[in-house]
Protein backbone atom coordinates (compact mmCIF):
# COMPACT_ATOMS: atom_id res chain seq x y z
CA MET A 1 -13.49 8.12 4.51
CA GLY A 2 -13.14 4.74 6.15
CA ASP A 3 -12.85 3.29 9.63
CA ALA A 4 -9.21 2.95 10.73
CA VAL A 5 -10.05 0.31 13.36
CA LYS A 6 -11.61 -1.93 10.70
CA GLY A 7 -8.69 -1.06 8.42
CA ALA A 8 -6.21 -2.28 11.04
CA LYS A 9 -7.92 -5.68 11.03
CA ILE A 10 -7.77 -5.81 7.22
CA PHE A 11 -4.08 -4.86 7.33
CA LYS A 12 -3.32 -7.66 9.81
CA GLN A 13 -5.23 -10.21 7.75
CA ARG A 14 -4.24 -9.18 4.22
CA CYS A 15 -1.08 -7.01 4.33
CA ALA A 16 1.06 -7.57 7.43
CA GLN A 17 2.58 -10.78 6.05
CA CYS A 18 4.47 -8.64 3.51
CA HIS A 19 4.44 -5.06 4.86
CA THR A 20 5.24 -3.08 8.02
CA VAL A 21 4.02 0.45 8.79
CA GLU A 22 6.09 1.74 11.71
CA ALA A 23 8.90 4.28 11.26
CA GLY A 24 12.17 2.40 10.79
CA GLY A 25 10.29 -0.88 10.37
CA PRO A 26 11.87 -3.58 8.26
CA HIS A 27 11.11 -4.36 4.65
CA LYS A 28 9.60 -7.80 4.20
CA THR A 29 8.55 -9.29 0.85
CA GLY A 30 7.05 -5.82 0.31
CA PRO A 31 8.40 -2.45 1.44
CA ASN A 32 7.86 -0.75 4.77
CA LEU A 33 4.96 1.65 4.19
CA ASN A 34 5.92 4.43 6.61
CA GLY A 35 5.74 7.78 4.85
CA LEU A 36 3.65 6.28 2.03
CA PHE A 37 1.31 9.24 1.48
CA GLY A 38 2.92 11.84 -0.75
CA ARG A 39 5.68 9.48 -1.91
CA LYS A 40 6.11 8.46 -5.55
CA THR A 41 5.85 4.80 -6.55
CA GLY A 42 9.06 2.82 -6.22
CA GLN A 43 10.80 5.41 -4.02
CA GLY A 44 10.91 3.84 -0.54
CA ALA A 45 14.54 3.82 0.59
CA GLY A 46 16.29 0.46 0.71
CA PHE A 47 13.71 -1.66 -1.12
CA ALA A 48 14.32 -3.34 -4.51
CA TYR A 49 11.26 -2.25 -6.51
CA THR A 50 10.36 -3.55 -9.95
CA GLN A 51 11.05 -1.21 -12.84
CA ALA A 52 7.28 -1.12 -13.45
CA ASN A 53 6.76 0.31 -9.95
CA ILE A 54 9.50 2.89 -10.40
CA ASP A 55 8.26 3.90 -13.85
CA LYS A 56 4.59 4.30 -12.81
CA GLY A 57 5.54 7.70 -11.41
CA ILE A 58 2.35 8.49 -9.52
CA THR A 59 2.24 9.93 -6.01
CA TRP A 60 0.50 7.82 -3.37
CA GLY A 61 -2.61 9.40 -1.91
CA GLU A 62 -6.15 8.33 -1.04
CA ASP A 63 -7.28 8.38 -4.67
CA THR A 64 -4.32 6.47 -6.12
CA LEU A 65 -4.35 3.90 -3.31
CA PHE A 66 -8.11 3.39 -3.73
CA GLU A 67 -7.59 2.48 -7.38
CA TYR A 68 -4.39 0.48 -6.77
CA LEU A 69 -5.89 -1.63 -3.97
CA LEU A 70 -8.75 -2.73 -6.22
CA ASN A 71 -6.35 -4.57 -8.55
CA PRO A 72 -2.61 -3.92 -8.05
CA LYS A 73 -1.48 -5.90 -11.11
CA LYS A 74 -3.86 -3.96 -13.36
CA TYR A 75 -2.83 -0.59 -11.91
CA ILE A 76 0.90 -1.34 -12.16
CA PRO A 77 1.43 -4.06 -14.78
CA GLY A 78 4.69 -5.84 -13.96
CA THR A 79 4.52 -5.29 -10.19
CA LYS A 80 5.77 -8.23 -8.13
CA MET A 81 3.02 -7.72 -5.54
CA VAL A 82 0.97 -10.91 -5.58
CA PHE A 83 -1.99 -9.44 -3.68
CA ALA A 84 -5.22 -9.90 -5.67
CA GLY A 85 -6.81 -6.71 -4.36
CA LEU A 86 -9.78 -5.65 -2.26
CA LYS A 87 -12.99 -5.63 -4.28
CA LYS A 88 -15.22 -3.97 -1.64
CA LYS A 89 -15.08 -0.16 -1.62
CA GLY A 90 -15.66 -0.11 2.14
CA ASP A 91 -12.67 -2.40 2.77
CA ARG A 92 -10.43 -0.20 0.62
CA ASN A 93 -11.63 2.95 2.40
CA ASP A 94 -11.06 1.34 5.82
CA LEU A 95 -7.58 0.16 4.88
CA ILE A 96 -6.65 3.59 3.51
CA ALA A 97 -7.91 5.25 6.71
CA TYR A 98 -5.68 2.90 8.72
CA LEU A 99 -2.67 3.47 6.47
CA LYS A 100 -3.14 7.23 6.66
CA GLU A 101 -2.92 7.07 10.47
CA SER A 102 -0.31 4.35 10.86
CA THR A 103 2.20 5.46 8.21
CA ALA A 104 2.28 9.20 9.02
């Protein structure tokens, strides 16, 4: 898989404006991502998800995140996430490696 150290840099640059990862961390524009792996879309406690996110019904894992992070609006039409995506496979793998460590 990817390099979590590189993934941490990508998270700081591209994700931290809207998301936190630590247990008990606050929701921002986007939800806190702690406990992300193994959770269904739109199920993080205390965050107002779009109906599209709730209805997607997939479980977050390496494979689903890899596809989602390429183009979030294509993967979940109607999501309010404005992030354009990460086109480079290596960047997505690095970010997923970081998320796997930091959200567990």
